[in-house]
Amino acid sequence: METCAAAGLHLPAGSCELSLLSRADGSASCSRGDTTVLAAVYGPAEVKHSREISDKATVEVILKGKCGFPGVIEKSQEHMIRGVVEGTVLTGLHPRTSITLESQALMTFVLDSKDKRILASHTKGSFLSSELQKCIAVSQTAADKLFEIYKHAITRRYSKTSLEASAPNLWST
């Protein structure tokens, strides 16, 4: 367990694995404590004629909850994530195709990997500004660790030599 000094909160240990799903073009599973996010990317692939965009790829985001069908909140979150994905993926390189992102859970804050700035957020309920700042600080600390784990997972996957024996404990303080 890790302590976030800025907010006085404890962060549970986490991990990340890549390419878990065989039929997806890319997939990842990230865990921290009791929360696991599983995401898959498909495409660029053929798009339905009615959804085709002539000068760029069509981006589709599908969020799946733990149970039941998606509701208004999930559709709103899908819309927010689609905007972030369309702004970061070079959709103009693959016109008249489809890129689909499926996710089993959702992070509240979407952070830039370099500067840890908030790209998008989704909140529900009322809270004080100081509480929001604490949540952002914790998210940024967690993002630092998650990006390090992701970087290590990429290096381990694409390295010519196995780095598993020398894998650092990235969650320790």
C-alpha atoms as a PDB file:
ATOM      1  CA  MET A   1       0.000   0.000   0.000  1.00  0.00           C
ATOM      2  CA  GLU A   2       1.261   3.454  -0.886  1.00  0.00           C
ATOM      3  CA  THR A   3       0.630   6.761   0.869  1.00  0.00           C
ATOM      4  CA  CYS A   4      -0.200   9.923  -1.049  1.00  0.00           C
ATOM      5  CA  ALA A   5       1.329  12.651   1.109  1.00  0.00           C
ATOM      6  CA  ALA A   6      -0.509  15.458  -0.710  1.00  0.00           C
ATOM      7  CA  ALA A   7      -3.921  14.093   0.241  1.00  0.00           C
ATOM      8  CA  GLY A   8      -3.102  11.883   3.246  1.00  0.00           C
ATOM      9  CA  LEU A   9      -4.645   8.853   1.515  1.00  0.00           C
ATOM     10  CA  HIS A  10      -3.451   5.299   0.963  1.00  0.00           C
ATOM     11  CA  LEU A  11      -3.297   3.796  -2.534  1.00  0.00           C
ATOM     12  CA  PRO A  12      -3.561   0.005  -2.872  1.00  0.00           C
ATOM     13  CA  ALA A  13      -1.042  -1.991  -4.919  1.00  0.00           C
ATOM     14  CA  GLY A  14      -1.636  -2.319  -8.668  1.00  0.00           C
ATOM     15  CA  SER A  15      -0.589  -4.144 -11.811  1.00  0.00           C
ATOM     16  CA  CYS A  16      -0.982  -3.994 -15.607  1.00  0.00           C
ATOM     17  CA  GLU A  17      -1.032  -6.700 -18.308  1.00  0.00           C
ATOM     18  CA  LEU A  18      -1.111  -6.261 -22.075  1.00  0.00           C
ATOM     19  CA  SER A  19      -2.606  -8.338 -24.906  1.00  0.00           C
ATOM     20  CA  LEU A  20      -4.883 -10.489 -22.766  1.00  0.00           C
ATOM     21  CA  LEU A  21      -7.609 -10.847 -25.369  1.00  0.00           C
ATOM     22  CA  SER A  22      -6.744 -12.851 -28.474  1.00  0.00           C
ATOM     23  CA  ARG A  23      -9.366 -11.384 -30.836  1.00  0.00           C
ATOM     24  CA  ALA A  24      -8.705  -7.721 -30.012  1.00  0.00           C
ATOM     25  CA  ASP A  25      -6.141  -5.662 -31.915  1.00  0.00           C
ATOM     26  CA  GLY A  26      -4.935  -4.379 -28.560  1.00  0.00           C
ATOM     27  CA  SER A  27      -5.990  -4.984 -24.966  1.00  0.00           C
ATOM     28  CA  ALA A  28      -4.897  -4.200 -21.430  1.00  0.00           C
ATOM     29  CA  SER A  29      -5.969  -4.997 -17.909  1.00  0.00           C
ATOM     30  CA  CYS A  30      -5.001  -2.626 -15.098  1.00  0.00           C
ATOM     31  CA  SER A  31      -5.730  -3.332 -11.447  1.00  0.00           C
ATOM     32  CA  ARG A  32      -5.404  -1.297  -8.285  1.00  0.00           C
ATOM     33  CA  GLY A  33      -6.820  -2.709  -5.097  1.00  0.00           C
ATOM     34  CA  ASP A  34     -10.311  -4.101  -5.698  1.00  0.00           C
ATOM     35  CA  THR A  35     -10.749  -2.253  -9.008  1.00  0.00           C
ATOM     36  CA  THR A  36      -9.834  -3.790 -12.355  1.00  0.00           C
ATOM     37  CA  VAL A  37     -10.241  -2.106 -15.721  1.00  0.00           C
ATOM     38  CA  LEU A  38     -10.239  -4.261 -18.836  1.00  0.00           C
ATOM     39  CA  ALA A  39     -10.077  -2.437 -22.168  1.00  0.00           C
ATOM     40  CA  ALA A  40      -9.854  -3.649 -25.776  1.00  0.00           C
ATOM     41  CA  VAL A  41      -9.310  -1.829 -29.070  1.00  0.00           C
ATOM     42  CA  TYR A  42     -10.518  -3.130 -32.421  1.00  0.00           C
ATOM     43  CA  GLY A  43      -9.543  -1.563 -35.703  1.00  0.00           C
ATOM     44  CA  PRO A  44      -9.119   0.094 -37.949  1.00  0.00           C
ATOM     45  CA  ALA A  45     -11.722  -2.234 -39.446  1.00  0.00           C
ATOM     46  CA  GLU A  46     -14.579  -2.121 -41.928  1.00  0.00           C
ATOM     47  CA  VAL A  47     -17.344   0.259 -40.871  1.00  0.00           C
ATOM     48  CA  LYS A  48     -21.087   0.047 -41.529  1.00  0.00           C
ATOM     49  CA  HIS A  49     -21.970   2.177 -44.534  1.00  0.00           C
ATOM     50  CA  SER A  50     -24.414   4.291 -42.494  1.00  0.00           C
ATOM     51  CA  ARG A  51     -21.662   5.208 -39.959  1.00  0.00           C
ATOM     52  CA  GLU A  52     -18.904   5.819 -42.506  1.00  0.00           C
ATOM     53  CA  ILE A  53     -17.044   9.150 -42.492  1.00  0.00           C
ATOM     54  CA  SER A  54     -15.266   9.893 -45.768  1.00  0.00           C
ATOM     55  CA  ASP A  55     -12.201  11.743 -44.418  1.00  0.00           C
ATOM     56  CA  LYS A  56     -11.469   9.955 -41.107  1.00  0.00           C
ATOM     57  CA  ALA A  57     -12.102   6.839 -39.054  1.00  0.00           C
ATOM     58  CA  THR A  58     -15.326   6.455 -37.096  1.00  0.00           C
ATOM     59  CA  VAL A  59     -14.583   6.114 -33.354  1.00  0.00           C
ATOM     60  CA  GLU A  60     -16.955   4.016 -31.267  1.00  0.00           C
ATOM     61  CA  VAL A  61     -16.720   3.644 -27.480  1.00  0.00           C
ATOM     62  CA  ILE A  62     -18.596   0.922 -25.606  1.00  0.00           C
ATOM     63  CA  LEU A  63     -18.645   0.870 -21.800  1.00  0.00           C
ATOM     64  CA  LYS A  64     -19.860  -2.208 -20.011  1.00  0.00           C
ATOM     65  CA  GLY A  65     -20.820  -2.134 -16.358  1.00  0.00           C
ATOM     66  CA  LYS A  66     -20.473  -4.946 -13.875  1.00  0.00           C
ATOM     67  CA  CYS A  67     -24.021  -6.034 -14.647  1.00  0.00           C
ATOM     68  CA  GLY A  68     -27.053  -4.977 -16.655  1.00  0.00           C
ATOM     69  CA  PHE A  69     -27.373  -2.763 -19.686  1.00  0.00           C
ATOM     70  CA  PRO A  70     -25.761   0.663 -20.093  1.00  0.00           C
ATOM     71  CA  GLY A  71     -27.876   3.612 -18.979  1.00  0.00           C
ATOM     72  CA  VAL A  72     -27.800   7.356 -19.490  1.00  0.00           C
ATOM     73  CA  ILE A  73     -24.691   7.791 -17.310  1.00  0.00           C
ATOM     74  CA  GLU A  74     -22.723   5.192 -19.263  1.00  0.00           C
ATOM     75  CA  LYS A  75     -23.775   6.769 -22.580  1.00  0.00           C
ATOM     76  CA  SER A  76     -22.605  10.164 -21.291  1.00  0.00           C
ATOM     77  CA  GLN A  77     -19.277   8.651 -20.263  1.00  0.00           C
ATOM     78  CA  GLU A  78     -18.950   6.977 -23.676  1.00  0.00           C
ATOM     79  CA  HIS A  79     -19.472  10.368 -25.328  1.00  0.00           C
ATOM     80  CA  MET A  80     -16.781  11.977 -23.127  1.00  0.00           C
ATOM     81  CA  ILE A  81     -14.257   9.193 -23.834  1.00  0.00           C
ATOM     82  CA  ARG A  82     -15.041   9.265 -27.562  1.00  0.00           C
ATOM     83  CA  GLY A  83     -14.131  12.972 -27.586  1.00  0.00           C
ATOM     84  CA  VAL A  84     -10.795  12.259 -25.868  1.00  0.00           C
ATOM     85  CA  VAL A  85     -10.015   9.348 -28.232  1.00  0.00           C
ATOM     86  CA  GLU A  86     -10.927  11.367 -31.340  1.00  0.00           C
ATOM     87  CA  GLY A  87      -8.608  14.127 -30.127  1.00  0.00           C
ATOM     88  CA  THR A  88      -5.644  11.816 -29.534  1.00  0.00           C
ATOM     89  CA  VAL A  89      -5.872   9.131 -32.243  1.00  0.00           C
ATOM     90  CA  LEU A  90      -4.859  10.005 -35.818  1.00  0.00           C
ATOM     91  CA  THR A  91      -8.237   9.099 -37.334  1.00  0.00           C
ATOM     92  CA  GLY A  92      -7.379  10.878 -40.607  1.00  0.00           C
ATOM     93  CA  LEU A  93      -4.895   8.109 -41.435  1.00  0.00           C
ATOM     94  CA  HIS A  94      -7.706   5.565 -41.791  1.00  0.00           C
ATOM     95  CA  PRO A  95     -10.709   7.155 -43.562  1.00  0.00           C
ATOM     96  CA  ARG A  96     -13.870   5.081 -44.012  1.00  0.00           C
ATOM     97  CA  THR A  97     -12.924   2.656 -41.224  1.00  0.00           C
ATOM     98  CA  SER A  98     -14.001   2.021 -37.649  1.00  0.00           C
ATOM     99  CA  ILE A  99     -11.987   2.079 -34.421  1.00  0.00           C
ATOM    100  CA  THR A 100     -13.824   0.570 -31.452  1.00  0.00           C
ATOM    101  CA  LEU A 101     -12.798   0.874 -27.798  1.00  0.00           C
ATOM    102  CA  GLU A 102     -14.545  -1.412 -25.315  1.00  0.00           C
ATOM    103  CA  SER A 103     -14.019  -1.016 -21.585  1.00  0.00           C
ATOM    104  CA  GLN A 104     -15.386  -2.880 -18.593  1.00  0.00           C
ATOM    105  CA  ALA A 105     -14.859   0.012 -16.141  1.00  0.00           C
ATOM    106  CA  LEU A 106     -14.133   3.752 -16.242  1.00  0.00           C
ATOM    107  CA  MET A 107     -11.531   5.938 -14.609  1.00  0.00           C
ATOM    108  CA  THR A 108     -12.940   9.183 -13.270  1.00  0.00           C
ATOM    109  CA  PHE A 109     -10.005  11.307 -14.449  1.00  0.00           C
ATOM    110  CA  VAL A 110      -8.290  11.020 -17.837  1.00  0.00           C
ATOM    111  CA  LEU A 111      -4.756  12.387 -17.445  1.00  0.00           C
ATOM    112  CA  ASP A 112      -2.027  13.346 -19.902  1.00  0.00           C
ATOM    113  CA  SER A 113       0.872  10.868 -19.602  1.00  0.00           C
ATOM    114  CA  LYS A 114       3.577  13.534 -19.776  1.00  0.00           C
ATOM    115  CA  ASP A 115       2.388  16.485 -17.676  1.00  0.00           C
ATOM    116  CA  LYS A 116      -0.390  14.705 -15.703  1.00  0.00           C
ATOM    117  CA  ARG A 117      -2.881  17.402 -16.714  1.00  0.00           C
ATOM    118  CA  ILE A 118      -6.574  16.517 -16.717  1.00  0.00           C
ATOM    119  CA  LEU A 119      -7.857  15.848 -20.243  1.00  0.00           C
ATOM    120  CA  ALA A 120     -11.371  14.879 -19.123  1.00  0.00           C
ATOM    121  CA  SER A 121     -13.244  14.050 -15.946  1.00  0.00           C
ATOM    122  CA  HIS A 122     -16.598  12.708 -14.888  1.00  0.00           C
ATOM    123  CA  THR A 123     -18.026  13.283 -11.439  1.00  0.00           C
ATOM    124  CA  LYS A 124     -21.339  12.630  -9.770  1.00  0.00           C
ATOM    125  CA  GLY A 125     -22.697  14.358  -6.690  1.00  0.00           C
ATOM    126  CA  SER A 126     -21.610  17.438  -4.770  1.00  0.00           C
ATOM    127  CA  PHE A 127     -18.289  18.004  -3.036  1.00  0.00           C
ATOM    128  CA  LEU A 128     -16.036  20.798  -1.847  1.00  0.00           C
ATOM    129  CA  SER A 129     -13.325  22.285  -4.049  1.00  0.00           C
ATOM    130  CA  SER A 130     -10.705  21.041  -1.573  1.00  0.00           C
ATOM    131  CA  GLU A 131     -12.087  17.496  -1.901  1.00  0.00           C
ATOM    132  CA  LEU A 132     -11.827  17.735  -5.694  1.00  0.00           C
ATOM    133  CA  GLN A 133      -8.218  18.932  -5.405  1.00  0.00           C
ATOM    134  CA  LYS A 134      -7.420  15.959  -3.128  1.00  0.00           C
ATOM    135  CA  CYS A 135      -8.967  13.560  -5.661  1.00  0.00           C
ATOM    136  CA  ILE A 136      -6.947  15.132  -8.483  1.00  0.00           C
ATOM    137  CA  ALA A 137      -3.724  14.868  -6.436  1.00  0.00           C
ATOM    138  CA  VAL A 138      -4.384  11.198  -5.694  1.00  0.00           C
ATOM    139  CA  SER A 139      -5.230  10.553  -9.354  1.00  0.00           C
ATOM    140  CA  GLN A 140      -2.000  12.216 -10.497  1.00  0.00           C
ATOM    141  CA  THR A 141       0.068  10.164  -8.034  1.00  0.00           C
ATOM    142  CA  ALA A 142      -1.686   6.979  -9.128  1.00  0.00           C
ATOM    143  CA  ALA A 143      -1.225   7.948 -12.793  1.00  0.00           C
ATOM    144  CA  ASP A 144       2.540   8.328 -12.280  1.00  0.00           C
ATOM    145  CA  LYS A 145       2.728   4.787 -10.945  1.00  0.00           C
ATOM    146  CA  LEU A 146       0.336   3.415 -13.584  1.00  0.00           C
ATOM    147  CA  PHE A 147       2.307   4.990 -16.441  1.00  0.00           C
ATOM    148  CA  GLU A 148       5.516   3.487 -15.001  1.00  0.00           C
ATOM    149  CA  ILE A 149       3.870   0.058 -14.842  1.00  0.00           C
ATOM    150  CA  TYR A 150       2.555   0.490 -18.383  1.00  0.00           C
ATOM    151  CA  LYS A 151       6.015   1.558 -19.618  1.00  0.00           C
ATOM    152  CA  HIS A 152       7.572  -1.491 -17.943  1.00  0.00           C
ATOM    153  CA  ALA A 153       4.914  -3.790 -19.445  1.00  0.00           C
ATOM    154  CA  ILE A 154       5.600  -2.397 -22.942  1.00  0.00           C
ATOM    155  CA  THR A 155       9.366  -2.746 -22.460  1.00  0.00           C
ATOM    156  CA  ARG A 156       8.981  -6.308 -21.172  1.00  0.00           C
ATOM    157  CA  ARG A 157       6.695  -7.274 -24.062  1.00  0.00           C
ATOM    158  CA  TYR A 158       8.821  -5.843 -26.855  1.00  0.00           C
ATOM    159  CA  SER A 159      12.315  -6.311 -25.427  1.00  0.00           C
ATOM    160  CA  LYS A 160      14.582  -8.923 -27.008  1.00  0.00           C
ATOM    161  CA  THR A 161      15.659 -10.129 -23.575  1.00  0.00           C
ATOM    162  CA  SER A 162      13.346 -11.057 -20.739  1.00  0.00           C
ATOM    163  CA  LEU A 163      13.136  -8.349 -18.086  1.00  0.00           C
ATOM    164  CA  GLU A 164      10.774 -10.251 -15.794  1.00  0.00           C
ATOM    165  CA  ALA A 165      13.523 -11.303 -13.407  1.00  0.00           C
ATOM    166  CA  SER A 166      14.686  -7.721 -13.041  1.00  0.00           C
ATOM    167  CA  ALA A 167      11.214  -6.167 -12.780  1.00  0.00           C
ATOM    168  CA  PRO A 168      11.187  -3.415 -10.153  1.00  0.00           C
ATOM    169  CA  ASN A 169       8.400  -3.132  -7.613  1.00  0.00           C
ATOM    170  CA  LEU A 170       6.845   0.020  -9.050  1.00  0.00           C
ATOM    171  CA  TRP A 171       4.138   0.269  -6.395  1.00  0.00           C
ATOM    172  CA  SER A 172       6.465   0.537  -3.424  1.00  0.00           C
ATOM    173  CA  THR A 173       7.174   3.928  -1.914  1.00  0.00           C
END
